[in-house]
């Protein structure tokens, strides 16, 4: 890390024309306050590519799993949403259908009969407009993209904004906003794979969640009818800090009202990441089916509950014209 704030814009390459969209230049923004975390964000998928933070000895490493080059990010086979901004709707929509104001909408079926993470041409596959600037001691990159009416089956033209803001106090603040021209559903998430060792696997990490309930899924990871399950005393209980050694997690936990939703730590390096959010749930995934780097990082995907558009018992994912969807998650890095 440098001693003075720095913003550096470069060109990564060209995303080819696809799905009726023209080829577009992909930009990279490197931000470094000189004191807090240093990040790199690409305009393709509004993707977080690097987060460099020091260990207890002051040695910096990238704690956000990244792929090798733009081609790797463009290749869906090798890129399971690594570091991407995911939408319009994260997680699943059962049967790729939902009803709004009596109208049945059919979405892109990209996971068997279901719709997952915004579809096969979701917002993670778009080149976003971007710019960066300083705000006092903080640095921020802001990105935006417009999803047309009918895109992946969603009603309404949706204008989405994403922001990554870093401060010298060790924080990385990720935010999303959205506005629509017609009633629709929205549920963004951020899909970083975190590895506080900067290498290897999530074994050696420890996790605590301020969450006492988790969604019960069927074999297709569609929520089962009924209330979420109380995880206390079960294999999914992370209310007390636990080692991730050999532990497989792929579930969605309901966020409690505490100030810190998740605390991930790596005792060997001393690095600690504390996560807080205004969202109702967090998807936790230990990357066991990440073909390129099995268990290379852990996802903490804050956002809406899975299949909320079809579950009136879940917090609503509806967005109407004139309203603004807002989503904020703060990552605070330190050493223990």
C-alpha atoms as a PDB file:
ATOM      1  CA  UNK A   1       0.000   0.000   0.000  1.00  0.00           C
ATOM      2  CA  UNK A   2       1.137   3.537  -0.714  1.00  0.00           C
ATOM      3  CA  UNK A   3       1.305   6.414   1.780  1.00  0.00           C
ATOM      4  CA  UNK A   4      -0.895   8.729  -0.314  1.00  0.00           C
ATOM      5  CA  UNK A   5      -4.398   8.209  -1.766  1.00  0.00           C
ATOM      6  CA  UNK A   6      -4.359   6.894  -5.316  1.00  0.00           C
ATOM      7  CA  UNK A   7      -6.917   6.265  -8.067  1.00  0.00           C
ATOM      8  CA  UNK A   8      -5.655   4.536 -11.201  1.00  0.00           C
ATOM      9  CA  UNK A   9      -7.822   3.797 -14.238  1.00  0.00           C
ATOM     10  CA  UNK A  10      -6.618   1.346 -16.896  1.00  0.00           C
ATOM     11  CA  UNK A  11      -8.154  -0.702 -19.698  1.00  0.00           C
ATOM     12  CA  UNK A  12      -8.365  -4.462 -19.206  1.00  0.00           C
ATOM     13  CA  UNK A  13      -9.599  -5.463 -22.659  1.00  0.00           C
ATOM     14  CA  UNK A  14     -12.721  -5.755 -24.768  1.00  0.00           C
ATOM     15  CA  UNK A  15     -15.835  -7.702 -23.857  1.00  0.00           C
ATOM     16  CA  UNK A  16     -17.134  -9.098 -27.167  1.00  0.00           C
ATOM     17  CA  UNK A  17     -20.616  -8.452 -28.541  1.00  0.00           C
ATOM     18  CA  UNK A  18     -23.157 -10.805 -26.987  1.00  0.00           C
ATOM     19  CA  UNK A  19     -26.919 -11.191 -26.630  1.00  0.00           C
ATOM     20  CA  UNK A  20     -27.612  -8.174 -28.830  1.00  0.00           C
ATOM     21  CA  UNK A  21     -25.195  -5.907 -26.961  1.00  0.00           C
ATOM     22  CA  UNK A  22     -22.191  -4.352 -28.728  1.00  0.00           C
ATOM     23  CA  UNK A  23     -18.579  -5.025 -27.817  1.00  0.00           C
ATOM     24  CA  UNK A  24     -17.416  -2.771 -24.982  1.00  0.00           C
ATOM     25  CA  UNK A  25     -14.175  -1.722 -23.334  1.00  0.00           C
ATOM     26  CA  UNK A  26     -13.656  -3.072 -19.821  1.00  0.00           C
ATOM     27  CA  UNK A  27     -12.090  -0.646 -17.371  1.00  0.00           C
ATOM     28  CA  UNK A  28     -10.161  -1.341 -14.187  1.00  0.00           C
ATOM     29  CA  UNK A  29     -10.149   1.038 -11.213  1.00  0.00           C
ATOM     30  CA  UNK A  30      -7.474   0.645  -8.542  1.00  0.00           C
ATOM     31  CA  UNK A  31      -8.174   2.598  -5.333  1.00  0.00           C
ATOM     32  CA  UNK A  32      -5.786   2.950  -2.405  1.00  0.00           C
ATOM     33  CA  UNK A  33      -6.275   5.354   0.509  1.00  0.00           C
ATOM     34  CA  UNK A  34      -2.742   4.691   1.723  1.00  0.00           C
ATOM     35  CA  UNK A  35      -4.007   3.493   5.115  1.00  0.00           C
ATOM     36  CA  UNK A  36      -7.018   1.193   4.743  1.00  0.00           C
ATOM     37  CA  UNK A  37      -7.742  -1.591   2.259  1.00  0.00           C
ATOM     38  CA  UNK A  38      -6.709  -1.165  -1.379  1.00  0.00           C
ATOM     39  CA  UNK A  39      -9.178  -2.460  -3.982  1.00  0.00           C
ATOM     40  CA  UNK A  40      -9.440  -3.121  -7.700  1.00  0.00           C
ATOM     41  CA  UNK A  41     -12.830  -3.048  -9.430  1.00  0.00           C
ATOM     42  CA  UNK A  42     -13.594  -3.922 -13.060  1.00  0.00           C
ATOM     43  CA  UNK A  43     -16.517  -2.533 -15.029  1.00  0.00           C
ATOM     44  CA  UNK A  44     -17.364  -6.018 -16.339  1.00  0.00           C
ATOM     45  CA  UNK A  45     -20.032  -7.232 -13.935  1.00  0.00           C
ATOM     46  CA  UNK A  46     -19.173  -4.388 -11.523  1.00  0.00           C
ATOM     47  CA  UNK A  47     -16.693  -6.955 -10.244  1.00  0.00           C
ATOM     48  CA  UNK A  48     -14.468  -6.694  -7.185  1.00  0.00           C
ATOM     49  CA  UNK A  49     -11.156  -8.176  -8.345  1.00  0.00           C
ATOM     50  CA  UNK A  50      -8.801  -7.459  -5.427  1.00  0.00           C
ATOM     51  CA  UNK A  51      -8.918  -6.366  -1.797  1.00  0.00           C
ATOM     52  CA  UNK A  52      -5.441  -5.982  -0.366  1.00  0.00           C
ATOM     53  CA  UNK A  53      -5.099  -5.817   3.411  1.00  0.00           C
ATOM     54  CA  UNK A  54      -2.152  -6.373   5.789  1.00  0.00           C
ATOM     55  CA  UNK A  55      -1.654  -9.253   8.202  1.00  0.00           C
ATOM     56  CA  UNK A  56      -0.445  -8.803  11.788  1.00  0.00           C
ATOM     57  CA  UNK A  57       3.124  -8.395  10.478  1.00  0.00           C
ATOM     58  CA  UNK A  58       2.072  -5.681   8.007  1.00  0.00           C
ATOM     59  CA  UNK A  59       2.417  -7.939   4.948  1.00  0.00           C
ATOM     60  CA  UNK A  60      -0.297  -7.246   2.355  1.00  0.00           C
ATOM     61  CA  UNK A  61      -2.184  -9.879   0.395  1.00  0.00           C
ATOM     62  CA  UNK A  62      -5.266 -10.015  -1.779  1.00  0.00           C
ATOM     63  CA  UNK A  63      -8.058 -11.556   0.331  1.00  0.00           C
ATOM     64  CA  UNK A  64     -10.668 -11.579  -2.475  1.00  0.00           C
ATOM     65  CA  UNK A  65     -10.367 -14.544  -4.847  1.00  0.00           C
ATOM     66  CA  UNK A  66      -9.688 -13.396  -8.414  1.00  0.00           C
ATOM     67  CA  UNK A  67      -9.373 -15.038 -11.801  1.00  0.00           C
ATOM     68  CA  UNK A  68      -6.301 -14.689 -13.993  1.00  0.00           C
ATOM     69  CA  UNK A  69      -7.570 -12.456 -16.830  1.00  0.00           C
ATOM     70  CA  UNK A  70     -10.617 -10.996 -18.572  1.00  0.00           C
ATOM     71  CA  UNK A  71     -11.137 -14.120 -20.678  1.00  0.00           C
ATOM     72  CA  UNK A  72     -11.539 -16.130 -17.470  1.00  0.00           C
ATOM     73  CA  UNK A  73     -14.222 -13.748 -16.228  1.00  0.00           C
ATOM     74  CA  UNK A  74     -16.010 -13.884 -19.593  1.00  0.00           C
ATOM     75  CA  UNK A  75     -16.106 -17.693 -19.516  1.00  0.00           C
ATOM     76  CA  UNK A  76     -19.135 -18.824 -17.523  1.00  0.00           C
ATOM     77  CA  UNK A  77     -17.642 -22.306 -17.229  1.00  0.00           C
ATOM     78  CA  UNK A  78     -14.686 -21.054 -15.190  1.00  0.00           C
ATOM     79  CA  UNK A  79     -16.410 -18.112 -13.501  1.00  0.00           C
ATOM     80  CA  UNK A  80     -19.046 -18.932 -10.859  1.00  0.00           C
ATOM     81  CA  UNK A  81     -19.840 -15.203 -10.356  1.00  0.00           C
ATOM     82  CA  UNK A  82     -16.401 -14.536  -8.834  1.00  0.00           C
ATOM     83  CA  UNK A  83     -16.488 -11.074  -7.216  1.00  0.00           C
ATOM     84  CA  UNK A  84     -19.475 -10.025  -9.346  1.00  0.00           C
ATOM     85  CA  UNK A  85     -22.524  -7.871  -8.711  1.00  0.00           C
ATOM     86  CA  UNK A  86     -25.401 -10.325  -9.151  1.00  0.00           C
ATOM     87  CA  UNK A  87     -28.951  -9.428 -10.251  1.00  0.00           C
ATOM     88  CA  UNK A  88     -31.593  -8.536 -11.119  1.00  0.00           C
ATOM     89  CA  UNK A  89     -32.527 -11.151  -8.535  1.00  0.00           C
ATOM     90  CA  UNK A  90     -29.932 -13.102  -6.608  1.00  0.00           C
ATOM     91  CA  UNK A  91     -30.441 -16.683  -5.563  1.00  0.00           C
ATOM     92  CA  UNK A  92     -33.403 -18.631  -6.988  1.00  0.00           C
ATOM     93  CA  UNK A  93     -36.879 -18.041  -8.359  1.00  0.00           C
ATOM     94  CA  UNK A  94     -38.673 -21.399  -8.308  1.00  0.00           C
ATOM     95  CA  UNK A  95     -39.952 -22.549 -11.678  1.00  0.00           C
ATOM     96  CA  UNK A  96     -38.535 -19.323 -13.141  1.00  0.00           C
ATOM     97  CA  UNK A  97     -41.961 -17.724 -12.608  1.00  0.00           C
ATOM     98  CA  UNK A  98     -43.629 -15.231 -10.287  1.00  0.00           C
ATOM     99  CA  UNK A  99     -46.905 -13.295 -10.220  1.00  0.00           C
ATOM    100  CA  UNK A 100     -47.120  -9.537  -9.743  1.00  0.00           C
ATOM    101  CA  UNK A 101     -50.453  -7.696  -9.669  1.00  0.00           C
ATOM    102  CA  UNK A 102     -52.138 -10.724 -11.191  1.00  0.00           C
ATOM    103  CA  UNK A 103     -49.704 -11.010 -14.105  1.00  0.00           C
ATOM    104  CA  UNK A 104     -47.540 -14.126 -14.413  1.00  0.00           C
ATOM    105  CA  UNK A 105     -43.957 -13.409 -15.478  1.00  0.00           C
ATOM    106  CA  UNK A 106     -41.664 -16.120 -16.839  1.00  0.00           C
ATOM    107  CA  UNK A 107     -37.909 -15.631 -16.372  1.00  0.00           C
ATOM    108  CA  UNK A 108     -34.904 -17.178 -18.084  1.00  0.00           C
ATOM    109  CA  UNK A 109     -34.484 -20.782 -16.968  1.00  0.00           C
ATOM    110  CA  UNK A 110     -30.753 -21.103 -16.393  1.00  0.00           C
ATOM    111  CA  UNK A 111     -30.699 -23.746 -13.649  1.00  0.00           C
ATOM    112  CA  UNK A 112     -32.852 -26.625 -14.804  1.00  0.00           C
ATOM    113  CA  UNK A 113     -36.448 -25.442 -14.487  1.00  0.00           C
ATOM    114  CA  UNK A 114     -35.444 -22.588 -12.223  1.00  0.00           C
ATOM    115  CA  UNK A 115     -34.033 -19.069 -12.472  1.00  0.00           C
ATOM    116  CA  UNK A 116     -30.843 -18.317 -10.536  1.00  0.00           C
ATOM    117  CA  UNK A 117     -28.749 -15.166 -10.004  1.00  0.00           C
ATOM    118  CA  UNK A 118     -30.493 -13.049 -12.639  1.00  0.00           C
ATOM    119  CA  UNK A 119     -30.377 -15.499 -15.538  1.00  0.00           C
ATOM    120  CA  UNK A 120     -27.865 -16.611 -18.139  1.00  0.00           C
ATOM    121  CA  UNK A 121     -27.350 -12.961 -19.175  1.00  0.00           C
ATOM    122  CA  UNK A 122     -27.686 -11.335 -15.771  1.00  0.00           C
ATOM    123  CA  UNK A 123     -26.067  -8.097 -14.646  1.00  0.00           C
ATOM    124  CA  UNK A 124     -22.836  -9.944 -13.857  1.00  0.00           C
ATOM    125  CA  UNK A 125     -22.446 -10.406 -17.658  1.00  0.00           C
ATOM    126  CA  UNK A 126     -22.770  -6.699 -18.535  1.00  0.00           C
ATOM    127  CA  UNK A 127     -20.189  -3.959 -18.904  1.00  0.00           C
ATOM    128  CA  UNK A 128     -21.192  -1.177 -16.525  1.00  0.00           C
ATOM    129  CA  UNK A 129     -20.403   2.539 -16.867  1.00  0.00           C
ATOM    130  CA  UNK A 130     -17.960   3.630 -14.180  1.00  0.00           C
ATOM    131  CA  UNK A 131     -16.070   6.533 -12.631  1.00  0.00           C
ATOM    132  CA  UNK A 132     -14.086   7.083  -9.447  1.00  0.00           C
ATOM    133  CA  UNK A 133     -13.344  10.007  -7.146  1.00  0.00           C
ATOM    134  CA  UNK A 134     -12.215  10.985  -3.658  1.00  0.00           C
ATOM    135  CA  UNK A 135     -14.527  12.141  -0.871  1.00  0.00           C
ATOM    136  CA  UNK A 136     -12.487  13.507   1.993  1.00  0.00           C
ATOM    137  CA  UNK A 137     -10.304  10.641   3.217  1.00  0.00           C
ATOM    138  CA  UNK A 138     -12.394   8.049   1.366  1.00  0.00           C
ATOM    139  CA  UNK A 139     -12.183   6.832  -2.240  1.00  0.00           C
ATOM    140  CA  UNK A 140     -15.122   5.528  -4.234  1.00  0.00           C
ATOM    141  CA  UNK A 141     -15.846   3.908  -7.589  1.00  0.00           C
ATOM    142  CA  UNK A 142     -19.434   4.211  -8.816  1.00  0.00           C
ATOM    143  CA  UNK A 143     -20.908   2.039 -11.556  1.00  0.00           C
ATOM    144  CA  UNK A 144     -24.259   1.930 -13.342  1.00  0.00           C
ATOM    145  CA  UNK A 145     -26.110  -0.220 -15.850  1.00  0.00           C
ATOM    146  CA  UNK A 146     -29.594  -0.233 -17.401  1.00  0.00           C
ATOM    147  CA  UNK A 147     -31.528  -3.458 -17.830  1.00  0.00           C
ATOM    148  CA  UNK A 148     -34.301  -3.015 -20.445  1.00  0.00           C
ATOM    149  CA  UNK A 149     -37.935  -3.970 -19.941  1.00  0.00           C
ATOM    150  CA  UNK A 150     -38.279  -7.719 -20.506  1.00  0.00           C
ATOM    151  CA  UNK A 151     -34.597  -8.437 -19.917  1.00  0.00           C
ATOM    152  CA  UNK A 152     -34.323 -12.100 -18.803  1.00  0.00           C
ATOM    153  CA  UNK A 153     -38.126 -11.923 -18.441  1.00  0.00           C
ATOM    154  CA  UNK A 154     -38.247  -9.182 -15.795  1.00  0.00           C
ATOM    155  CA  UNK A 155     -40.846  -6.417 -16.168  1.00  0.00           C
ATOM    156  CA  UNK A 156     -39.807  -2.756 -16.227  1.00  0.00           C
ATOM    157  CA  UNK A 157     -36.661  -0.981 -17.297  1.00  0.00           C
ATOM    158  CA  UNK A 158     -34.309  -1.119 -14.330  1.00  0.00           C
ATOM    159  CA  UNK A 159     -31.482   1.347 -13.689  1.00  0.00           C
ATOM    160  CA  UNK A 160     -28.976  -0.083 -11.235  1.00  0.00           C
ATOM    161  CA  UNK A 161     -26.139   1.624  -9.406  1.00  0.00           C
ATOM    162  CA  UNK A 162     -23.252  -0.021  -7.562  1.00  0.00           C
ATOM    163  CA  UNK A 163     -20.604   1.605  -5.393  1.00  0.00           C
ATOM    164  CA  UNK A 164     -17.395   0.479  -3.720  1.00  0.00           C
ATOM    165  CA  UNK A 165     -16.095   2.889  -1.100  1.00  0.00           C
ATOM    166  CA  UNK A 166     -12.944   2.436   0.982  1.00  0.00           C
ATOM    167  CA  UNK A 167     -11.832   4.445   3.981  1.00  0.00           C
ATOM    168  CA  UNK A 168      -8.622   4.719   6.001  1.00  0.00           C
ATOM    169  CA  UNK A 169     -10.509   3.196   8.952  1.00  0.00           C
ATOM    170  CA  UNK A 170     -10.255  -0.257   7.344  1.00  0.00           C
ATOM    171  CA  UNK A 171     -13.714  -0.330   5.779  1.00  0.00           C
ATOM    172  CA  UNK A 172     -15.007  -1.446   2.403  1.00  0.00           C
ATOM    173  CA  UNK A 173     -18.594  -0.265   1.870  1.00  0.00           C
ATOM    174  CA  UNK A 174     -20.523  -1.945  -0.986  1.00  0.00           C
ATOM    175  CA  UNK A 175     -23.843  -0.422  -1.983  1.00  0.00           C
ATOM    176  CA  UNK A 176     -26.573  -0.975  -4.588  1.00  0.00           C
ATOM    177  CA  UNK A 177     -29.516   1.146  -5.708  1.00  0.00           C
ATOM    178  CA  UNK A 178     -32.188   0.503  -8.329  1.00  0.00           C
ATOM    179  CA  UNK A 179     -35.098   2.340  -9.938  1.00  0.00           C
ATOM    180  CA  UNK A 180     -37.769   0.889 -12.202  1.00  0.00           C
ATOM    181  CA  UNK A 181     -40.309   2.083 -14.784  1.00  0.00           C
ATOM    182  CA  UNK A 182     -42.846  -0.638 -13.875  1.00  0.00           C
ATOM    183  CA  UNK A 183     -43.567  -2.842 -10.862  1.00  0.00           C
ATOM    184  CA  UNK A 184     -40.875  -5.507 -10.691  1.00  0.00           C
ATOM    185  CA  UNK A 185     -38.720  -7.535  -8.306  1.00  0.00           C
ATOM    186  CA  UNK A 186     -35.153  -6.722  -7.273  1.00  0.00           C
ATOM    187  CA  UNK A 187     -32.637  -8.466  -5.050  1.00  0.00           C
ATOM    188  CA  UNK A 188     -28.965  -7.747  -5.656  1.00  0.00           C
ATOM    189  CA  UNK A 189     -26.043  -9.469  -3.991  1.00  0.00           C
ATOM    190  CA  UNK A 190     -22.269  -9.348  -4.079  1.00  0.00           C
ATOM    191  CA  UNK A 191     -20.517 -12.629  -4.865  1.00  0.00           C
ATOM    192  CA  UNK A 192     -16.952 -12.274  -3.588  1.00  0.00           C
ATOM    193  CA  UNK A 193     -15.097 -15.388  -2.446  1.00  0.00           C
ATOM    194  CA  UNK A 194     -13.132 -14.342   0.651  1.00  0.00           C
ATOM    195  CA  UNK A 195      -9.838 -15.930   1.694  1.00  0.00           C
ATOM    196  CA  UNK A 196      -8.093 -14.049   4.488  1.00  0.00           C
ATOM    197  CA  UNK A 197      -4.950 -16.158   4.086  1.00  0.00           C
ATOM    198  CA  UNK A 198      -4.547 -14.792   0.561  1.00  0.00           C
ATOM    199  CA  UNK A 199      -3.858 -18.339  -0.668  1.00  0.00           C
ATOM    200  CA  UNK A 200      -4.874 -21.956  -0.165  1.00  0.00           C
ATOM    201  CA  UNK A 201      -8.373 -22.842   1.032  1.00  0.00           C
ATOM    202  CA  UNK A 202     -10.864 -21.701   3.655  1.00  0.00           C
ATOM    203  CA  UNK A 203      -9.554 -24.402   5.962  1.00  0.00           C
ATOM    204  CA  UNK A 204      -7.740 -22.563   8.724  1.00  0.00           C
ATOM    205  CA  UNK A 205     -10.483 -19.908   8.883  1.00  0.00           C
ATOM    206  CA  UNK A 206     -13.069 -19.416  11.613  1.00  0.00           C
ATOM    207  CA  UNK A 207     -16.622 -18.109  11.201  1.00  0.00           C
ATOM    208  CA  UNK A 208     -19.262 -16.639  13.471  1.00  0.00           C
ATOM    209  CA  UNK A 209     -22.770 -15.615  12.313  1.00  0.00           C
ATOM    210  CA  UNK A 210     -25.346 -13.546  14.147  1.00  0.00           C
ATOM    211  CA  UNK A 211     -28.066 -15.799  12.764  1.00  0.00           C
ATOM    212  CA  UNK A 212     -30.195 -18.358  14.579  1.00  0.00           C
ATOM    213  CA  UNK A 213     -32.344 -19.431  11.601  1.00  0.00           C
ATOM    214  CA  UNK A 214     -31.630 -20.853   8.149  1.00  0.00           C
ATOM    215  CA  UNK A 215     -33.721 -21.719   5.116  1.00  0.00           C
ATOM    216  CA  UNK A 216     -34.615 -25.387   4.545  1.00  0.00           C
ATOM    217  CA  UNK A 217     -34.043 -26.409   0.912  1.00  0.00           C
ATOM    218  CA  UNK A 218     -35.060 -29.263  -1.346  1.00  0.00           C
ATOM    219  CA  UNK A 219     -32.620 -31.083  -3.653  1.00  0.00           C
ATOM    220  CA  UNK A 220     -32.767 -28.186  -6.171  1.00  0.00           C
ATOM    221  CA  UNK A 221     -31.984 -25.615  -3.454  1.00  0.00           C
ATOM    222  CA  UNK A 222     -35.558 -24.296  -3.579  1.00  0.00           C
ATOM    223  CA  UNK A 223     -36.941 -23.298  -0.150  1.00  0.00           C
ATOM    224  CA  UNK A 224     -39.327 -25.848   1.327  1.00  0.00           C
ATOM    225  CA  UNK A 225     -42.729 -24.730   2.612  1.00  0.00           C
ATOM    226  CA  UNK A 226     -42.828 -23.576   6.188  1.00  0.00           C
ATOM    227  CA  UNK A 227     -40.762 -21.464   8.504  1.00  0.00           C
ATOM    228  CA  UNK A 228     -36.960 -21.357   8.500  1.00  0.00           C
ATOM    229  CA  UNK A 229     -35.210 -23.836  10.776  1.00  0.00           C
ATOM    230  CA  UNK A 230     -33.700 -22.913  14.131  1.00  0.00           C
ATOM    231  CA  UNK A 231     -30.032 -23.848  13.677  1.00  0.00           C
ATOM    232  CA  UNK A 232     -28.981 -23.651  17.317  1.00  0.00           C
ATOM    233  CA  UNK A 233     -27.459 -26.947  18.360  1.00  0.00           C
ATOM    234  CA  UNK A 234     -27.295 -28.248  14.773  1.00  0.00           C
ATOM    235  CA  UNK A 235     -24.456 -28.655  12.271  1.00  0.00           C
ATOM    236  CA  UNK A 236     -25.429 -25.243  10.829  1.00  0.00           C
ATOM    237  CA  UNK A 237     -25.002 -23.399  14.126  1.00  0.00           C
ATOM    238  CA  UNK A 238     -22.390 -20.637  13.783  1.00  0.00           C
ATOM    239  CA  UNK A 239     -23.715 -18.460  16.594  1.00  0.00           C
ATOM    240  CA  UNK A 240     -20.463 -19.318  18.369  1.00  0.00           C
ATOM    241  CA  UNK A 241     -17.228 -19.006  16.382  1.00  0.00           C
ATOM    242  CA  UNK A 242     -16.333 -22.270  14.664  1.00  0.00           C
ATOM    243  CA  UNK A 243     -13.492 -23.616  12.567  1.00  0.00           C
ATOM    244  CA  UNK A 244     -14.225 -24.128   8.865  1.00  0.00           C
ATOM    245  CA  UNK A 245     -11.751 -27.003   8.605  1.00  0.00           C
ATOM    246  CA  UNK A 246     -13.503 -29.634   6.476  1.00  0.00           C
ATOM    247  CA  UNK A 247     -16.907 -27.944   7.000  1.00  0.00           C
ATOM    248  CA  UNK A 248     -19.157 -27.679   3.928  1.00  0.00           C
ATOM    249  CA  UNK A 249     -21.683 -24.838   3.956  1.00  0.00           C
ATOM    250  CA  UNK A 250     -24.151 -23.895   1.207  1.00  0.00           C
ATOM    251  CA  UNK A 251     -27.163 -22.304   2.831  1.00  0.00           C
ATOM    252  CA  UNK A 252     -29.029 -19.065   3.460  1.00  0.00           C
ATOM    253  CA  UNK A 253     -29.200 -17.669   7.000  1.00  0.00           C
ATOM    254  CA  UNK A 254     -31.626 -15.045   8.288  1.00  0.00           C
ATOM    255  CA  UNK A 255     -29.833 -11.991   9.613  1.00  0.00           C
ATOM    256  CA  UNK A 256     -30.430 -10.956  13.214  1.00  0.00           C
ATOM    257  CA  UNK A 257     -30.569  -7.342  14.365  1.00  0.00           C
ATOM    258  CA  UNK A 258     -27.053  -7.170  15.819  1.00  0.00           C
ATOM    259  CA  UNK A 259     -24.404  -4.715  14.617  1.00  0.00           C
ATOM    260  CA  UNK A 260     -22.153  -7.441  13.141  1.00  0.00           C
ATOM    261  CA  UNK A 261     -23.754 -10.134  10.988  1.00  0.00           C
ATOM    262  CA  UNK A 262     -20.628 -12.179  10.290  1.00  0.00           C
ATOM    263  CA  UNK A 263     -17.071 -12.368  11.565  1.00  0.00           C
ATOM    264  CA  UNK A 264     -14.526 -14.276   9.498  1.00  0.00           C
ATOM    265  CA  UNK A 265     -11.028 -14.711  10.898  1.00  0.00           C
ATOM    266  CA  UNK A 266      -7.764 -16.392   9.957  1.00  0.00           C
ATOM    267  CA  UNK A 267      -5.707 -16.979  13.125  1.00  0.00           C
ATOM    268  CA  UNK A 268      -2.437 -17.711  11.325  1.00  0.00           C
ATOM    269  CA  UNK A 269      -2.335 -14.317   9.569  1.00  0.00           C
ATOM    270  CA  UNK A 270      -4.316 -12.459  12.220  1.00  0.00           C
ATOM    271  CA  UNK A 271      -6.680 -11.004   9.611  1.00  0.00           C
ATOM    272  CA  UNK A 272     -10.300 -10.470  10.625  1.00  0.00           C
ATOM    273  CA  UNK A 273     -13.263  -9.310   8.507  1.00  0.00           C
ATOM    274  CA  UNK A 274     -16.491  -8.158  10.179  1.00  0.00           C
ATOM    275  CA  UNK A 275     -19.591  -7.785   7.999  1.00  0.00           C
ATOM    276  CA  UNK A 276     -22.702  -5.714   8.679  1.00  0.00           C
ATOM    277  CA  UNK A 277     -25.680  -5.185   6.373  1.00  0.00           C
ATOM    278  CA  UNK A 278     -29.195  -3.781   6.050  1.00  0.00           C
ATOM    279  CA  UNK A 279     -30.321  -6.931   4.196  1.00  0.00           C
ATOM    280  CA  UNK A 280     -32.529  -9.709   5.660  1.00  0.00           C
ATOM    281  CA  UNK A 281     -30.318 -12.687   4.805  1.00  0.00           C
ATOM    282  CA  UNK A 282     -26.836 -13.925   3.994  1.00  0.00           C
ATOM    283  CA  UNK A 283     -25.989 -16.833   1.733  1.00  0.00           C
ATOM    284  CA  UNK A 284     -22.929 -18.689   2.985  1.00  0.00           C
ATOM    285  CA  UNK A 285     -21.032 -20.906   0.562  1.00  0.00           C
ATOM    286  CA  UNK A 286     -17.639 -22.500   1.174  1.00  0.00           C
ATOM    287  CA  UNK A 287     -16.882 -22.879  -2.538  1.00  0.00           C
ATOM    288  CA  UNK A 288     -16.745 -26.662  -2.546  1.00  0.00           C
ATOM    289  CA  UNK A 289     -18.074 -26.825  -6.144  1.00  0.00           C
ATOM    290  CA  UNK A 290     -15.888 -24.012  -7.491  1.00  0.00           C
ATOM    291  CA  UNK A 291     -14.184 -26.102 -10.198  1.00  0.00           C
ATOM    292  CA  UNK A 292     -11.074 -23.929 -10.586  1.00  0.00           C
ATOM    293  CA  UNK A 293     -10.387 -23.455  -6.869  1.00  0.00           C
ATOM    294  CA  UNK A 294     -12.424 -25.814  -4.671  1.00  0.00           C
ATOM    295  CA  UNK A 295     -12.785 -24.265  -1.203  1.00  0.00           C
ATOM    296  CA  UNK A 296     -10.600 -21.389  -2.364  1.00  0.00           C
ATOM    297  CA  UNK A 297     -12.842 -18.859  -0.638  1.00  0.00           C
ATOM    298  CA  UNK A 298     -16.080 -18.391   1.252  1.00  0.00           C
ATOM    299  CA  UNK A 299     -19.020 -16.340  -0.038  1.00  0.00           C
ATOM    300  CA  UNK A 300     -21.045 -14.178   2.350  1.00  0.00           C
ATOM    301  CA  UNK A 301     -23.821 -13.063  -0.012  1.00  0.00           C
ATOM    302  CA  UNK A 302     -26.037 -10.504   1.728  1.00  0.00           C
ATOM    303  CA  UNK A 303     -29.410  -9.871   0.119  1.00  0.00           C
ATOM    304  CA  UNK A 304     -33.002 -11.056  -0.205  1.00  0.00           C
ATOM    305  CA  UNK A 305     -34.207 -14.521   0.714  1.00  0.00           C
ATOM    306  CA  UNK A 306     -34.319 -17.192  -2.016  1.00  0.00           C
ATOM    307  CA  UNK A 307     -37.609 -17.366  -3.928  1.00  0.00           C
ATOM    308  CA  UNK A 308     -39.006 -14.367  -2.037  1.00  0.00           C
ATOM    309  CA  UNK A 309     -41.077 -13.332  -5.117  1.00  0.00           C
ATOM    310  CA  UNK A 310     -43.122 -16.516  -4.578  1.00  0.00           C
ATOM    311  CA  UNK A 311     -43.111 -16.488  -0.788  1.00  0.00           C
ATOM    312  CA  UNK A 312     -45.490 -13.961   0.832  1.00  0.00           C
ATOM    313  CA  UNK A 313     -44.113 -15.059   4.214  1.00  0.00           C
ATOM    314  CA  UNK A 314     -40.667 -13.682   3.273  1.00  0.00           C
ATOM    315  CA  UNK A 315     -39.663  -9.984   3.176  1.00  0.00           C
ATOM    316  CA  UNK A 316     -40.912  -8.516  -0.102  1.00  0.00           C
ATOM    317  CA  UNK A 317     -38.611  -8.116  -3.113  1.00  0.00           C
ATOM    318  CA  UNK A 318     -41.067  -5.817  -4.915  1.00  0.00           C
ATOM    319  CA  UNK A 319     -39.960  -2.467  -6.352  1.00  0.00           C
ATOM    320  CA  UNK A 320     -42.438   0.093  -7.723  1.00  0.00           C
ATOM    321  CA  UNK A 321     -41.887   3.178  -9.900  1.00  0.00           C
ATOM    322  CA  UNK A 322     -40.944   6.160  -7.764  1.00  0.00           C
ATOM    323  CA  UNK A 323     -39.362   3.987  -5.074  1.00  0.00           C
ATOM    324  CA  UNK A 324     -35.650   3.296  -4.703  1.00  0.00           C
ATOM    325  CA  UNK A 325     -34.180  -0.100  -3.902  1.00  0.00           C
ATOM    326  CA  UNK A 326     -31.237   0.262  -1.518  1.00  0.00           C
ATOM    327  CA  UNK A 327     -28.737  -2.293  -0.303  1.00  0.00           C
ATOM    328  CA  UNK A 328     -25.659  -1.654   1.831  1.00  0.00           C
ATOM    329  CA  UNK A 329     -23.051  -4.024   3.225  1.00  0.00           C
ATOM    330  CA  UNK A 330     -19.938  -2.924   5.124  1.00  0.00           C
ATOM    331  CA  UNK A 331     -16.780  -5.019   5.478  1.00  0.00           C
ATOM    332  CA  UNK A 332     -14.413  -3.890   8.225  1.00  0.00           C
ATOM    333  CA  UNK A 333     -10.891  -5.349   8.123  1.00  0.00           C
ATOM    334  CA  UNK A 334      -8.495  -5.597  11.019  1.00  0.00           C
ATOM    335  CA  UNK A 335      -6.064  -7.896  12.788  1.00  0.00           C
ATOM    336  CA  UNK A 336      -6.613  -9.935  15.879  1.00  0.00           C
END
